[in-house]
Protein backbone atom coordinates (compact mmCIF):
# COMPACT_ATOMS: atom_id res chain seq x y z
CA MET A 1 129.39 190.83 96.39
CA ASN A 2 128.55 194.18 97.81
CA ARG A 3 126.09 193.30 100.53
CA ASP A 4 125.58 196.74 102.10
CA ASN A 5 125.66 199.19 99.13
CA ALA A 6 128.90 200.70 100.36
CA ARG A 7 131.31 202.24 97.90
CA TRP A 8 134.69 200.53 98.50
CA SER A 9 137.98 202.21 97.61
CA LYS A 10 141.22 200.37 97.39
CA SER A 11 144.25 201.86 99.08
CA SER A 12 146.86 203.08 96.73
CA TYR A 13 149.36 201.65 99.39
CA SER A 14 148.28 198.16 98.68
CA GLY A 15 150.92 196.05 97.12
CA GLY A 16 151.16 196.13 93.32
CA SER A 17 151.33 192.30 93.08
CA GLY A 18 147.73 192.07 94.22
CA THR A 19 148.50 190.14 97.46
CA GLU A 20 148.19 193.00 99.94
CA CYS A 21 145.00 194.73 98.95
CA VAL A 22 142.99 196.66 101.53
CA GLU A 23 139.71 198.57 100.80
CA ILE A 24 137.70 200.92 102.98
CA ALA A 25 134.18 202.25 102.75
CA VAL A 26 132.23 204.83 104.74
CA LEU A 27 128.58 203.91 105.48
CA ASN A 28 126.29 205.22 108.27
CA ARG A 29 129.17 207.01 110.02
CA ARG A 30 131.19 203.79 110.20
CA VAL A 31 134.46 203.04 108.43
CA ARG A 32 134.66 199.45 107.15
CA VAL A 33 137.85 197.70 106.11
CA ARG A 34 138.06 194.55 104.15
CA ASP A 35 140.48 192.41 102.14
CA SER A 36 139.75 193.13 98.48
CA LYS A 37 140.91 189.62 97.49
CA ASP A 38 138.07 188.06 99.50
CA PRO A 39 135.40 190.80 99.99
CA GLY A 40 132.70 188.33 101.19
CA ARG A 41 134.70 187.43 104.31
CA SER A 42 134.64 189.27 107.67
CA ARG A 43 135.61 192.90 107.74
CA LEU A 44 136.61 195.37 110.40
CA ASP A 45 134.24 198.05 111.38
CA PHE A 46 135.23 201.27 113.12
CA ALA A 47 133.45 204.37 114.48
CA ILE A 48 134.38 207.29 112.25
CA GLY A 49 136.01 209.04 115.21
CA THR A 50 138.15 205.94 116.03
CA TRP A 51 139.25 205.71 112.42
CA GLY A 52 140.31 209.36 112.51
CA GLU A 53 142.33 208.68 115.68
CA PHE A 54 144.01 205.71 113.93
CA ALA A 55 144.87 207.86 110.91
CA ALA A 56 146.28 210.59 113.14
CA SER A 57 148.38 208.09 115.11
CA LEU A 58 149.96 206.83 111.87
CA ARG A 59 150.91 210.35 110.92
CA GLN A 60 152.45 210.94 114.38
CA SER A 61 154.39 207.75 114.41
CA GLY A 62 156.20 208.34 111.20
CA GLY A 63 153.59 206.95 108.85
CA GLU A 64 153.15 210.33 107.15
CA GLU A 65 152.77 208.67 103.70
CA ALA A 66 149.84 206.58 104.89
CA GLY A 67 148.24 209.21 107.07
CA ALA A 68 148.38 211.88 104.33
CA HIS A 69 146.66 209.72 101.81
CA GLY A 70 143.05 210.83 101.12
CA ARG A 71 141.63 207.29 101.15
CA LEU A 72 142.90 206.72 104.72
CA GLU A 73 140.79 209.67 105.77
CA ALA A 74 137.11 208.93 106.27
């Protein structure tokens, strides 16, 4: 159920087996992260700047694949 009208996008880096699925959505200058297997449960909520810092830290720490992916960027 989409309680907040956010448009959720599944990460292409989520496991193909369907057991490691992460989705993000941007709504009201916040980035929300949830487990797509159980979207009604709690989710993480980040300020858009904090999310940008997180993505940048992944790129700097050798996570270029994740950091370069468009869905990781808010």
